[in-house]
């Protein structure tokens, strides 16, 4: 009887561990998805900033040429 008790007591932590591992994997995948989304957003901002910077440099160059 004690062997049955020990087996069922031992099985619960294993099942809990598997569930926790599955939840951990799900949380990890959610973090990866969020990082991917944030990376794409940062890339879009970087491209937009580069376009604005290039336009400002072009305007500045044209203004400098008019002054000379």
PDB file of N, CA and C in Angstrom:
ATOM      1  N   UNK A   1       0.811  -1.186   0.000  1.00  0.00           N
ATOM      2  CA  UNK A   1       0.000   0.000   0.000  1.00  0.00           C
ATOM      3  C   UNK A   1       0.858   1.255   0.000  1.00  0.00           C
ATOM      4  N   UNK A   2       1.933   1.250   0.729  1.00  0.00           N
ATOM      5  CA  UNK A   2       2.805   2.411   0.749  1.00  0.00           C
ATOM      6  C   UNK A   2       3.495   2.605  -0.593  1.00  0.00           C
ATOM      7  N   UNK A   3       3.736   1.479  -1.321  1.00  0.00           N
ATOM      8  CA  UNK A   3       4.333   1.610  -2.649  1.00  0.00           C
ATOM      9  C   UNK A   3       3.372   2.321  -3.606  1.00  0.00           C
ATOM     10  N   UNK A   4       2.083   2.013  -3.518  1.00  0.00           N
ATOM     11  CA  UNK A   4       1.089   2.667  -4.358  1.00  0.00           C
ATOM     12  C   UNK A   4       1.022   4.151  -4.015  1.00  0.00           C
ATOM     13  N   UNK A   5       1.059   4.441  -2.760  1.00  0.00           N
ATOM     14  CA  UNK A   5       1.043   5.815  -2.295  1.00  0.00           C
ATOM     15  C   UNK A   5       2.266   6.578  -2.810  1.00  0.00           C
ATOM     16  N   UNK A   6       3.416   5.954  -2.719  1.00  0.00           N
ATOM     17  CA  UNK A   6       4.644   6.611  -3.169  1.00  0.00           C
ATOM     18  C   UNK A   6       4.614   6.822  -4.672  1.00  0.00           C
ATOM     19  N   UNK A   7       4.061   5.859  -5.389  1.00  0.00           N
ATOM     20  CA  UNK A   7       4.003   5.984  -6.842  1.00  0.00           C
ATOM     21  C   UNK A   7       3.076   7.122  -7.244  1.00  0.00           C
ATOM     22  N   UNK A   8       1.898   7.169  -6.652  1.00  0.00           N
ATOM     23  CA  UNK A   8       0.984   8.240  -7.021  1.00  0.00           C
ATOM     24  C   UNK A   8       1.502   9.588  -6.549  1.00  0.00           C
ATOM     25  N   UNK A   9       2.174   9.618  -5.398  1.00  0.00           N
ATOM     26  CA  UNK A   9       2.776  10.862  -4.920  1.00  0.00           C
ATOM     27  C   UNK A   9       3.916  11.291  -5.814  1.00  0.00           C
ATOM     28  N   UNK A  10       4.654  10.318  -6.338  1.00  0.00           N
ATOM     29  CA  UNK A  10       5.774  10.624  -7.227  1.00  0.00           C
ATOM     30  C   UNK A  10       5.297  11.035  -8.605  1.00  0.00           C
ATOM     31  N   UNK A  11       4.147  10.545  -9.029  1.00  0.00           N
ATOM     32  CA  UNK A  11       3.642  10.849 -10.364  1.00  0.00           C
ATOM     33  C   UNK A  11       3.128  12.281 -10.451  1.00  0.00           C
ATOM     34  N   UNK A  12       2.563  12.797  -9.394  1.00  0.00           N
ATOM     35  CA  UNK A  12       2.011  14.152  -9.414  1.00  0.00           C
ATOM     36  C   UNK A  12       3.072  15.203  -9.715  1.00  0.00           C
ATOM     37  N   UNK A  13       4.236  15.154  -9.063  1.00  0.00           N
ATOM     38  CA  UNK A  13       5.256  16.150  -9.417  1.00  0.00           C
ATOM     39  C   UNK A  13       5.718  16.028 -10.868  1.00  0.00           C
ATOM     40  N   UNK A  14       5.766  14.811 -11.401  1.00  0.00           N
ATOM     41  CA  UNK A  14       6.178  14.633 -12.797  1.00  0.00           C
ATOM     42  C   UNK A  14       5.150  15.273 -13.720  1.00  0.00           C
ATOM     43  N   UNK A  15       3.870  15.035 -13.476  1.00  0.00           N
ATOM     44  CA  UNK A  15       2.819  15.641 -14.292  1.00  0.00           C
ATOM     45  C   UNK A  15       2.874  17.155 -14.144  1.00  0.00           C
ATOM     46  N   UNK A  16       3.045  17.634 -12.925  1.00  0.00           N
ATOM     47  CA  UNK A  16       3.168  19.067 -12.692  1.00  0.00           C
ATOM     48  C   UNK A  16       4.367  19.642 -13.411  1.00  0.00           C
ATOM     49  N   UNK A  17       5.445  18.877 -13.429  1.00  0.00           N
ATOM     50  CA  UNK A  17       6.660  19.327 -14.110  1.00  0.00           C
ATOM     51  C   UNK A  17       6.433  19.426 -15.612  1.00  0.00           C
ATOM     52  N   UNK A  18       5.722  18.448 -16.172  1.00  0.00           N
ATOM     53  CA  UNK A  18       5.435  18.458 -17.608  1.00  0.00           C
ATOM     54  C   UNK A  18       4.531  19.640 -17.947  1.00  0.00           C
ATOM     55  N   UNK A  19       3.534  19.888 -17.113  1.00  0.00           N
ATOM     56  CA  UNK A  19       2.632  21.019 -17.334  1.00  0.00           C
ATOM     57  C   UNK A  19       3.403  22.327 -17.229  1.00  0.00           C
ATOM     58  N   UNK A  20       4.265  22.432 -16.201  1.00  0.00           N
ATOM     59  CA  UNK A  20       5.067  23.649 -16.031  1.00  0.00           C
ATOM     60  C   UNK A  20       6.006  23.835 -17.219  1.00  0.00           C
ATOM     61  N   UNK A  21       6.556  22.730 -17.706  1.00  0.00           N
ATOM     62  CA  UNK A  21       7.460  22.817 -18.857  1.00  0.00           C
ATOM     63  C   UNK A  21       6.695  23.277 -20.093  1.00  0.00           C
ATOM     64  N   UNK A  22       5.479  22.766 -20.282  1.00  0.00           N
ATOM     65  CA  UNK A  22       4.642  23.190 -21.405  1.00  0.00           C
ATOM     66  C   UNK A  22       4.280  24.658 -21.292  1.00  0.00           C
ATOM     67  N   UNK A  23       3.944  25.086 -20.071  1.00  0.00           N
ATOM     68  CA  UNK A  23       3.621  26.498 -19.848  1.00  0.00           C
ATOM     69  C   UNK A  23       4.847  27.365 -20.086  1.00  0.00           C
ATOM     70  N   UNK A  24       6.014  26.878 -19.674  1.00  0.00           N
ATOM     71  CA  UNK A  24       7.261  27.610 -19.901  1.00  0.00           C
ATOM     72  C   UNK A  24       7.561  27.747 -21.382  1.00  0.00           C
ATOM     73  N   UNK A  25       7.330  26.674 -22.121  1.00  0.00           N
ATOM     74  CA  UNK A  25       7.566  26.706 -23.568  1.00  0.00           C
ATOM     75  C   UNK A  25       6.601  27.683 -24.241  1.00  0.00           C
ATOM     76  N   UNK A  26       5.358  27.688 -23.784  1.00  0.00           N
ATOM     77  CA  UNK A  26       4.363  28.618 -24.336  1.00  0.00           C
ATOM     78  C   UNK A  26       4.754  30.058 -24.037  1.00  0.00           C
ATOM     79  N   UNK A  27       5.188  30.310 -22.800  1.00  0.00           N
ATOM     80  CA  UNK A  27       5.621  31.659 -22.425  1.00  0.00           C
ATOM     81  C   UNK A  27       6.836  32.080 -23.247  1.00  0.00           C
ATOM     82  N   UNK A  28       7.748  31.130 -23.465  1.00  0.00           N
ATOM     83  CA  UNK A  28       8.945  31.427 -24.263  1.00  0.00           C
ATOM     84  C   UNK A  28       8.558  31.789 -25.694  1.00  0.00           C
ATOM     85  N   UNK A  29       7.636  31.015 -26.276  1.00  0.00           N
ATOM     86  CA  UNK A  29       7.189  31.305 -27.640  1.00  0.00           C
ATOM     87  C   UNK A  29       6.504  32.671 -27.714  1.00  0.00           C
ATOM     88  N   UNK A  30       5.756  33.012 -26.662  1.00  0.00           N
ATOM     89  CA  UNK A  30       5.105  34.325 -26.621  1.00  0.00           C
ATOM     90  C   UNK A  30       6.151  35.436 -26.553  1.00  0.00           C
ATOM     91  N   UNK A  31       7.209  35.211 -25.783  1.00  0.00           N
ATOM     92  CA  UNK A  31       8.280  36.208 -25.694  1.00  0.00           C
ATOM     93  C   UNK A  31       8.995  36.357 -27.028  1.00  0.00           C
ATOM     94  N   UNK A  32       9.234  35.256 -27.712  1.00  0.00           N
ATOM     95  CA  UNK A  32       9.888  35.305 -29.025  1.00  0.00           C
ATOM     96  C   UNK A  32       9.011  36.068 -30.015  1.00  0.00           C
ATOM     97  N   UNK A  33       7.712  35.819 -29.988  1.00  0.00           N
ATOM     98  CA  UNK A  33       6.786  36.527 -30.880  1.00  0.00           C
ATOM     99  C   UNK A  33       6.800  38.022 -30.581  1.00  0.00           C
ATOM    100  N   UNK A  34       6.804  38.379 -29.302  1.00  0.00           N
ATOM    101  CA  UNK A  34       6.830  39.795 -28.916  1.00  0.00           C
ATOM    102  C   UNK A  34       8.150  40.445 -29.341  1.00  0.00           C
ATOM    103  N   UNK A  35       9.259  39.749 -29.149  1.00  0.00           N
ATOM    104  CA  UNK A  35      10.556  40.289 -29.571  1.00  0.00           C
ATOM    105  C   UNK A  35      10.615  40.456 -31.087  1.00  0.00           C
ATOM    106  N   UNK A  36      10.049  39.515 -31.808  1.00  0.00           N
ATOM    107  CA  UNK A  36      10.007  39.616 -33.271  1.00  0.00           C
ATOM    108  C   UNK A  36       9.200  40.835 -33.697  1.00  0.00           C
ATOM    109  N   UNK A  37       8.050  41.041 -33.040  1.00  0.00           N
ATOM    110  CA  UNK A  37       7.208  42.198 -33.360  1.00  0.00           C
ATOM    111  C   UNK A  37       7.932  43.504 -33.048  1.00  0.00           C
ATOM    112  N   UNK A  38       8.584  43.551 -31.893  1.00  0.00           N
ATOM    113  CA  UNK A  38       9.302  44.767 -31.507  1.00  0.00           C
ATOM    114  C   UNK A  38      10.486  45.020 -32.425  1.00  0.00           C
ATOM    115  N   UNK A  39      11.150  43.958 -32.865  1.00  0.00           N
ATOM    116  CA  UNK A  39      12.273  44.106 -33.781  1.00  0.00           C
ATOM    117  C   UNK A  39      11.807  44.675 -35.119  1.00  0.00           C
ATOM    118  N   UNK A  40      10.690  44.179 -35.609  1.00  0.00           N
ATOM    119  CA  UNK A  40      10.145  44.697 -36.877  1.00  0.00           C
ATOM    120  C   UNK A  40       9.755  46.160 -36.722  1.00  0.00           C
ATOM    121  N   UNK A  41       9.180  46.503 -35.574  1.00  0.00           N
ATOM    122  CA  UNK A  41       8.795  47.897 -35.312  1.00  0.00           C
ATOM    123  C   UNK A  41      10.036  48.794 -35.247  1.00  0.00           C
ATOM    124  N   UNK A  42      11.081  48.321 -34.589  1.00  0.00           N
ATOM    125  CA  UNK A  42      12.317  49.103 -34.487  1.00  0.00           C
ATOM    126  C   UNK A  42      12.967  49.274 -35.860  1.00  0.00           C
ATOM    127  N   UNK A  43      12.904  48.238 -36.678  1.00  0.00           N
ATOM    128  CA  UNK A  43      13.456  48.329 -38.031  1.00  0.00           C
ATOM    129  C   UNK A  43      12.695  49.358 -38.855  1.00  0.00           C
ATOM    130  N   UNK A  44      11.376  49.350 -38.725  1.00  0.00           N
ATOM    131  CA  UNK A  44      10.556  50.324 -39.459  1.00  0.00           C
ATOM    132  C   UNK A  44      10.881  51.741 -39.014  1.00  0.00           C
ATOM    133  N   UNK A  45      11.044  51.949 -37.716  1.00  0.00           N
ATOM    134  CA  UNK A  45      11.412  53.278 -37.206  1.00  0.00           C
ATOM    135  C   UNK A  45      12.786  53.687 -37.709  1.00  0.00           C
ATOM    136  N   UNK A  46      13.710  52.746 -37.741  1.00  0.00           N
ATOM    137  CA  UNK A  46      15.061  53.046 -38.214  1.00  0.00           C
ATOM    138  C   UNK A  46      15.041  53.485 -39.673  1.00  0.00           C
ATOM    139  N   UNK A  47      14.265  52.789 -40.484  1.00  0.00           N
ATOM    140  CA  UNK A  47      14.155  53.149 -41.903  1.00  0.00           C
ATOM    141  C   UNK A  47      13.526  54.531 -42.037  1.00  0.00           C
ATOM    142  N   UNK A  48      12.476  54.777 -41.259  1.00  0.00           N
ATOM    143  CA  UNK A  48      11.812  56.086 -41.312  1.00  0.00           C
ATOM    144  C   UNK A  48      12.781  57.196 -40.888  1.00  0.00           C
ATOM    145  N   UNK A  49      13.540  56.947 -39.846  1.00  0.00           N
ATOM    146  CA  UNK A  49      14.521  57.934 -39.387  1.00  0.00           C
ATOM    147  C   UNK A  49      15.589  58.181 -40.441  1.00  0.00           C
ATOM    148  N   UNK A  50      16.015  57.136 -41.113  1.00  0.00           N
ATOM    149  CA  UNK A  50      17.021  57.288 -42.170  1.00  0.00           C
ATOM    150  C   UNK A  50      16.472  58.133 -43.315  1.00  0.00           C
ATOM    151  N   UNK A  51      15.210  57.917 -43.676  1.00  0.00           N
ATOM    152  CA  UNK A  51      14.588  58.703 -44.755  1.00  0.00           C
ATOM    153  C   UNK A  51      14.519  60.171 -44.352  1.00  0.00           C
ATOM    154  N   UNK A  52      14.075  60.448 -43.127  1.00  0.00           N
ATOM    155  CA  UNK A  52      13.975  61.838 -42.652  1.00  0.00           C
ATOM    156  C   UNK A  52      15.359  62.483 -42.622  1.00  0.00           C
ATOM    157  N   UNK A  53      16.342  61.762 -42.113  1.00  0.00           N
ATOM    158  CA  UNK A  53      17.709  62.294 -42.041  1.00  0.00           C
ATOM    159  C   UNK A  53      18.241  62.610 -43.433  1.00  0.00           C
ATOM    160  N   UNK A  54      18.018  61.704 -44.373  1.00  0.00           N
ATOM    161  CA  UNK A  54      18.481  61.919 -45.745  1.00  0.00           C
ATOM    162  C   UNK A  54      17.798  63.141 -46.358  1.00  0.00           C
ATOM    163  N   UNK A  55      16.499  63.272 -46.129  1.00  0.00           N
ATOM    164  CA  UNK A  55      15.780  64.440 -46.662  1.00  0.00           C
ATOM    165  C   UNK A  55      16.308  65.736 -46.056  1.00  0.00           C
ATOM    166  N   UNK A  56      16.560  65.743 -44.758  1.00  0.00           N
ATOM    167  CA  UNK A  56      17.101  66.952 -44.112  1.00  0.00           C
ATOM    168  C   UNK A  56      18.495  67.287 -44.623  1.00  0.00           C
ATOM    169  N   UNK A  57      19.305  66.267 -44.853  1.00  0.00           N
ATOM    170  CA  UNK A  57      20.649  66.515 -45.387  1.00  0.00           C
ATOM    171  C   UNK A  57      20.570  67.088 -46.800  1.00  0.00           C
ATOM    172  N   UNK A  58      19.619  66.587 -47.588  1.00  0.00           N
ATOM    173  CA  UNK A  58      19.432  67.099 -48.945  1.00  0.00           C
ATOM    174  C   UNK A  58      19.001  68.563 -48.914  1.00  0.00           C
ATOM    175  N   UNK A  59      18.075  68.887 -48.021  1.00  0.00           N
ATOM    176  CA  UNK A  59      17.611  70.275 -47.888  1.00  0.00           C
ATOM    177  C   UNK A  59      18.754  71.171 -47.428  1.00  0.00           C
ATOM    178  N   UNK A  60      19.538  70.686 -46.466  1.00  0.00           N
ATOM    179  CA  UNK A  60      20.667  71.478 -45.961  1.00  0.00           C
ATOM    180  C   UNK A  60      21.698  71.701 -47.066  1.00  0.00           C
ATOM    181  N   UNK A  61      21.986  70.677 -47.828  1.00  0.00           N
ATOM    182  CA  UNK A  61      22.958  70.799 -48.917  1.00  0.00           C
ATOM    183  C   UNK A  61      22.484  71.819 -49.947  1.00  0.00           C
ATOM    184  N   UNK A  62      21.212  71.763 -50.290  1.00  0.00           N
ATOM    185  CA  UNK A  62      20.662  72.719 -51.264  1.00  0.00           C
ATOM    186  C   UNK A  62      20.727  74.130 -50.710  1.00  0.00           C
ATOM    187  N   UNK A  63      20.442  74.298 -49.423  1.00  0.00           N
ATOM    188  CA  UNK A  63      20.503  75.641 -48.805  1.00  0.00           C
ATOM    189  C   UNK A  63      21.944  76.140 -48.778  1.00  0.00           C
ATOM    190  N   UNK A  64      22.883  75.257 -48.459  1.00  0.00           N
ATOM    191  CA  UNK A  64      24.301  75.653 -48.429  1.00  0.00           C
ATOM    192  C   UNK A  64      24.768  76.072 -49.818  1.00  0.00           C
ATOM    193  N   UNK A  65      24.311  75.388 -50.851  1.00  0.00           N
ATOM    194  CA  UNK A  65      24.704  75.740 -52.224  1.00  0.00           C
ATOM    195  C   UNK A  65      24.143  77.103 -52.646  1.00  0.00           C
ATOM    196  N   UNK A  66      22.953  77.433 -52.171  1.00  0.00           N
ATOM    197  CA  UNK A  66      22.355  78.724 -52.491  1.00  0.00           C
ATOM    198  C   UNK A  66      23.138  79.849 -51.813  1.00  0.00           C
ATOM    199  N   UNK A  67      23.633  79.602 -50.609  1.00  0.00           N
ATOM    200  CA  UNK A  67      24.364  80.630 -49.862  1.00  0.00           C
ATOM    201  C   UNK A  67      25.701  80.914 -50.524  1.00  0.00           C
ATOM    202  N   UNK A  68      26.341  79.925 -51.065  1.00  0.00           N
ATOM    203  CA  UNK A  68      27.669  80.129 -51.664  1.00  0.00           C
ATOM    204  C   UNK A  68      27.594  80.799 -52.955  1.00  0.00           C
TER     205      UNK A  68
END
